[in-house]
Structure formats: structure tokens, C-alpha cells
Protein backbone atom coordinates (compact mmCIF):
# COMPACT_ATOMS: atom_id res chain seq x y z
CA MET A 1 0.00 0.00 0.00
CA LYS A 2 1.12 3.52 -0.74
CA ILE A 3 0.30 6.00 2.02
CA VAL A 4 0.64 9.74 1.49
CA THR A 5 -0.19 12.90 3.40
CA PHE A 6 -2.05 15.70 1.68
CA ILE A 7 -1.94 19.25 3.06
CA PRO A 8 -4.21 21.86 1.45
CA ALA A 9 -2.77 25.36 1.83
CA ARG A 10 -4.14 28.02 -0.49
CA GLY A 11 -2.72 31.52 -0.48
CA GLY A 12 -5.88 33.53 0.12
CA SER A 13 -7.34 33.83 3.60
CA LYS A 14 -9.79 36.53 4.63
CA GLY A 15 -9.85 35.64 8.34
CA ILE A 16 -6.07 35.81 8.78
CA PRO A 17 -4.22 37.17 5.73
CA ARG A 18 -1.25 34.98 4.72
CA LYS A 19 -2.21 32.59 7.52
CA ASN A 20 -0.30 29.55 6.27
CA VAL A 21 3.05 31.36 6.20
CA LEU A 22 2.71 33.44 9.38
CA PRO A 23 5.52 32.73 11.88
CA PHE A 24 4.28 30.37 14.59
CA LEU A 25 7.00 30.20 17.27
CA GLY A 26 9.45 31.33 14.62
CA PHE A 27 8.47 28.96 11.79
CA PRO A 28 5.84 29.27 9.04
CA LEU A 29 2.58 27.67 10.15
CA ILE A 30 2.59 25.23 7.19
CA ASN A 31 5.86 23.73 8.46
CA TYR A 32 4.24 22.11 11.47
CA SER A 33 2.01 19.82 9.43
CA ILE A 34 4.89 18.92 7.11
CA GLU A 35 7.17 18.11 10.04
CA TYR A 36 4.41 16.06 11.68
CA ALA A 37 4.12 13.97 8.51
CA LYS A 38 7.90 13.51 8.37
CA THR A 39 7.95 11.91 11.83
CA CYS A 40 6.09 8.82 10.58
CA ASP A 41 7.97 6.09 8.70
CA LEU A 42 4.70 4.71 7.35
CA VAL A 43 4.24 7.78 5.12
CA ASP A 44 5.54 7.38 1.57
CA GLY A 45 5.04 10.94 0.39
CA ILE A 46 4.08 14.42 1.59
CA TYR A 47 2.13 16.68 -0.76
CA VAL A 48 1.12 20.31 -0.34
CA SER A 49 -1.61 21.64 -2.62
CA THR A 50 -1.35 25.39 -3.11
CA ASN A 51 -1.83 28.23 -5.58
CA ASP A 52 0.70 30.40 -3.77
CA LYS A 53 4.37 30.80 -4.74
CA GLU A 54 5.64 31.52 -1.21
CA ILE A 55 3.81 28.55 0.28
CA ALA A 56 5.15 26.37 -2.53
CA GLU A 57 8.73 27.48 -1.89
CA ILE A 58 8.48 26.96 1.88
CA SER A 59 6.86 23.54 1.44
CA SER A 60 9.42 22.39 -1.11
CA SER A 61 12.36 23.49 1.05
CA SER A 62 10.78 21.61 3.98
CA GLY A 63 10.70 18.35 2.03
CA ALA A 64 7.16 18.29 0.64
CA GLN A 65 6.16 17.83 -2.98
CA VAL A 66 4.07 20.69 -4.32
CA ILE A 67 0.83 20.29 -6.24
CA ASN A 68 0.06 23.49 -8.15
CA ARG A 69 -3.61 24.08 -7.50
CA PRO A 70 -5.63 26.06 -10.08
CA ASN A 71 -7.01 29.40 -8.87
CA ASN A 72 -10.60 28.37 -9.62
CA ILE A 73 -10.44 25.80 -6.80
CA SER A 74 -8.45 28.06 -4.46
CA THR A 75 -11.19 30.53 -3.54
CA ASP A 76 -12.91 31.00 -0.19
CA THR A 77 -15.83 28.92 -1.42
CA ALA A 78 -13.73 26.07 -2.84
CA THR A 79 -13.96 22.83 -0.87
CA THR A 80 -11.08 20.75 0.40
CA GLU A 81 -12.63 17.86 -1.50
CA SER A 82 -12.11 19.75 -4.77
CA ALA A 83 -8.39 20.02 -3.96
CA ILE A 84 -8.26 16.29 -3.23
CA HIS A 85 -9.97 15.54 -6.54
CA HIS A 86 -7.41 17.69 -8.36
CA PHE A 87 -4.53 15.99 -6.54
CA LEU A 88 -5.72 12.51 -7.49
CA ASN A 89 -6.23 13.58 -11.09
CA VAL A 90 -2.72 14.99 -11.57
CA ILE A 91 -0.57 12.56 -9.60
CA ASP A 92 0.85 9.65 -11.58
CA ASP A 93 1.56 7.15 -8.80
CA LYS A 94 -1.87 6.93 -7.16
CA PRO A 95 -1.91 6.37 -3.38
CA ASP A 96 -3.98 3.69 -1.68
CA ILE A 97 -4.44 5.68 1.53
CA ILE A 98 -4.59 9.47 1.90
CA ILE A 99 -3.99 11.34 5.14
CA LEU A 100 -5.46 14.84 5.13
CA LEU A 101 -3.65 17.23 7.48
CA GLN A 102 -5.02 20.74 8.01
CA ALA A 103 -2.30 23.38 8.23
CA THR A 104 -4.47 25.23 10.75
CA SER A 105 -3.81 22.53 13.37
CA PRO A 106 -0.14 22.96 14.32
CA LEU A 107 -0.37 21.04 17.61
CA ARG A 108 -0.67 17.26 17.48
CA PRO A 109 0.39 14.53 19.93
CA ALA A 110 3.79 12.95 19.31
CA GLY A 111 3.48 9.54 17.66
CA SER A 112 -0.20 10.01 16.90
CA LEU A 113 0.14 9.74 13.12
CA ALA A 114 1.51 6.20 13.27
CA ASP A 115 -1.19 5.33 15.84
CA ALA A 116 -3.88 6.69 13.52
CA ILE A 117 -2.58 4.82 10.48
CA ASN A 118 -2.33 1.54 12.37
CA THR A 119 -5.82 2.00 13.81
CA PHE A 120 -7.15 2.70 10.31
CA ILE A 121 -5.51 -0.33 8.71
CA GLN A 122 -6.16 -2.79 11.52
CA GLY A 123 -9.79 -1.71 11.83
CA GLU A 124 -10.30 -2.03 8.08
CA PHE A 125 -11.98 1.38 8.03
CA ASP A 126 -13.00 3.36 4.96
CA SER A 127 -12.26 6.63 6.72
CA LEU A 128 -11.03 7.91 10.08
CA LEU A 129 -10.92 11.25 11.88
CA SER A 130 -9.38 12.77 14.98
CA LEU A 131 -11.75 13.62 17.81
CA THR A 132 -11.35 15.64 20.99
CA PRO A 133 -13.41 15.03 24.14
CA THR A 134 -15.22 18.03 25.53
CA HIS A 135 -16.86 18.51 28.91
CA GLN A 136 -19.27 21.19 27.75
CA PHE A 137 -23.04 21.12 28.13
CA PHE A 138 -24.49 21.63 24.66
CA TRP A 139 -27.72 23.36 23.67
CA GLU A 140 -29.45 24.14 20.41
CA VAL A 141 -31.83 27.00 19.67
CA ASP A 142 -35.18 26.95 17.88
CA GLY A 143 -36.33 30.52 17.29
CA ASN A 144 -36.28 32.14 20.74
CA ILE A 145 -36.35 28.80 22.60
CA ALA A 146 -33.24 27.10 24.04
CA LEU A 147 -33.30 23.31 23.90
CA PRO A 148 -30.88 21.21 25.99
CA LYS A 149 -28.84 18.43 24.46
CA TYR A 150 -28.41 16.81 27.88
CA ASP A 151 -30.56 15.97 30.92
CA PHE A 152 -30.30 19.21 32.93
CA LYS A 153 -32.64 17.79 35.60
CA ASN A 154 -29.92 15.30 36.47
CA ARG A 155 -26.95 17.52 35.73
CA PRO A 156 -23.69 15.58 36.19
CA ARG A 157 -20.58 17.18 37.55
CA ARG A 158 -18.17 17.63 34.66
CA GLN A 159 -15.50 15.60 36.42
CA ASP A 160 -17.98 12.74 36.82
CA PHE A 161 -18.85 12.36 33.13
CA ARG A 162 -19.06 8.69 32.22
CA PRO A 163 -17.27 7.68 29.01
CA SER A 164 -20.65 7.15 27.34
CA ASP A 165 -21.72 10.70 28.31
CA ILE A 166 -18.71 12.52 26.88
CA PRO A 167 -19.38 14.39 23.62
CA TYR A 168 -16.58 14.59 21.06
CA ASP A 169 -15.56 17.40 18.75
CA GLU A 170 -14.38 16.83 15.18
CA ASN A 171 -11.20 18.83 15.68
CA GLY A 172 -10.26 19.01 11.97
CA SER A 173 -6.63 18.06 12.56
CA LEU A 174 -6.39 14.69 10.83
CA TYR A 175 -8.45 12.57 8.44
CA ILE A 176 -7.56 9.28 6.77
CA PHE A 177 -9.42 7.65 3.91
CA THR A 178 -8.82 5.20 1.11
CA ARG A 179 -8.58 6.41 -2.46
CA LYS A 180 -11.20 3.82 -3.36
CA HIS A 181 -13.65 5.33 -0.85
CA PHE A 182 -12.99 8.90 -2.00
CA GLU A 183 -13.38 8.07 -5.66
CA LYS A 184 -16.68 6.38 -4.85
CA THR A 185 -18.17 9.04 -2.58
CA GLY A 186 -16.27 12.29 -3.23
CA ASN A 187 -15.99 12.82 0.52
CA ARG A 188 -13.19 12.41 3.06
CA LEU A 189 -15.62 10.73 5.47
CA GLY A 190 -18.10 7.91 5.07
CA GLY A 191 -18.44 4.16 4.98
CA ARG A 192 -17.01 2.51 8.06
CA ILE A 193 -15.60 5.43 10.08
CA GLY A 194 -12.89 4.99 12.71
CA TYR A 195 -11.39 7.54 15.06
CA ILE A 196 -8.36 8.52 17.11
CA ILE A 197 -8.64 10.63 20.26
CA PHE A 198 -6.54 13.76 20.75
CA ALA A 199 -6.45 15.34 24.22
CA GLU A 200 -8.29 18.62 24.62
CA LYS A 201 -5.11 20.73 24.37
CA TYR A 202 -4.62 19.35 20.84
CA GLY A 203 -8.19 19.98 19.78
CA TYR A 204 -7.84 23.61 18.69
CA GLN A 205 -7.56 24.92 15.15
CA ILE A 206 -6.73 28.39 13.89
CA ASP A 207 -9.61 30.39 12.42
CA SER A 208 -8.85 33.80 13.93
CA MET A 209 -5.93 35.77 15.37
CA ASP A 210 -7.25 35.00 18.84
CA ASP A 211 -6.93 31.30 17.99
CA PHE A 212 -3.45 31.88 16.58
CA ASN A 213 -2.23 33.71 19.68
CA HIS A 214 -3.84 31.19 22.04
CA LEU A 215 -2.27 28.20 20.31
CA GLU A 216 1.12 29.89 20.10
CA SER A 217 1.00 30.55 23.85
CA LEU A 218 -0.10 26.96 24.50
CA ALA A 219 2.69 25.58 22.32
CA SER A 220 5.24 27.79 24.05
CA ASN A 221 4.11 26.55 27.47
CA ASN A 222 4.31 22.93 26.30
CA ARG A 223 7.92 23.48 25.22
CA GLU A 224 8.82 24.80 28.65
CA GLU A 225 7.25 21.88 30.55
């Protein structure tokens, strides 16, 4: 089996301009996903899909192969799936398993990529994602009415949550899927879906400068521990 990582990193970003190349603890943000992929011997190739010259140069110098993404699938409304489609259409040596890493998730547990791949293969899954436990009490709203997603009449203490009571967040850090599944469904998820758990401190992704600053502070503190 050929296993590759795929990192989408377009140049345009309205929320945080030039997000993927901003210095995060002194290194461009895109570097962290590339370096994470390089730590796993099971990975046969690392690909960055971008329409941006600076991102391409940084990725190439960091050891990734660059996929030049057309501008028409590099807009704010373009889906990640469209970039995956393009990647599979232009690459000659087709992979069997694709690992999607989001550049906006610079913090990941050490050794977790190999754990995720082994879980995926051994479980014979079609797709897999990383999840983060949360101890929040969730609600939904219907017009001006608040509706609980838990039994507030028997409110548990957060520290007493049973495993079956814990909700999980799709943290967006890591996805794995077979090429066969993607070509059939056009989606990174579906079929028999597995998971890997990341601790809460690894469950953040960067969508705003507040996120960026928070994660940089968290990463700095982790280095000092």
C-alpha cells in the first residue's frame, strides 16, 4: 500500500491574511504539518496543494512535494474535496491511503500519526478522523427557545462524566481515507468510520488571530514543561 499525506494550503485567507506562512513560534505555520508527517515512517510521500508561490517554496524546502492548484479551486468557497480531486487527477503514482492534514492545526500529539494509520488499517476502516473530548453542556436553539442536548434535571458534575456521556468534537486536525472510498463518494468521510482521540489541548484549530495567539501561547508553554 502507498500511504501519502495531503496538506491543502491556499494563499488567500480573509480571516487571517497569509495565515499559512505566518511565523508560529518562529516557523511558518505550514511547516508544522509537514514536520508532523515527516515523523512517521509509514508515510511514503508528503504533498502540499497550493496556488501560492511563497507557500510552494516553503513547502518544497521543507521536504514536501508541491501540487500546483488552479485558482478556480483556491477561492474561499472552494472545498477541500475539490483540492483532493485535483490531486488525485494529476498525480501519476496513485496512493492507496490518503492522510489529510489541516495546516491550521499545528499542535498534534507525538506519535499520533503512526497510531492513527495503524488504527485505520487494523480496523479495516473506509475513513477515520481525529476527535477531541469536551466537557461542555451543549444546547441548540429553535427561534427564541433554548433546547438542551443533555438531561439538565440530572446535571452531572463535569469531572464525573461517564465515558458514554462525553461528547466529542471533530477537531479538523487529521483525516484518513482510502482512495477507493474517496473516488466512490467524493468525501473524506463515510463508509465505516474509525477515530483517534486527541487530548483537549490538541483539539484547537486556527480560524482567527485569537486562535493563533492562544495556540502559540499553548505551544510555548508545552515546550517549557
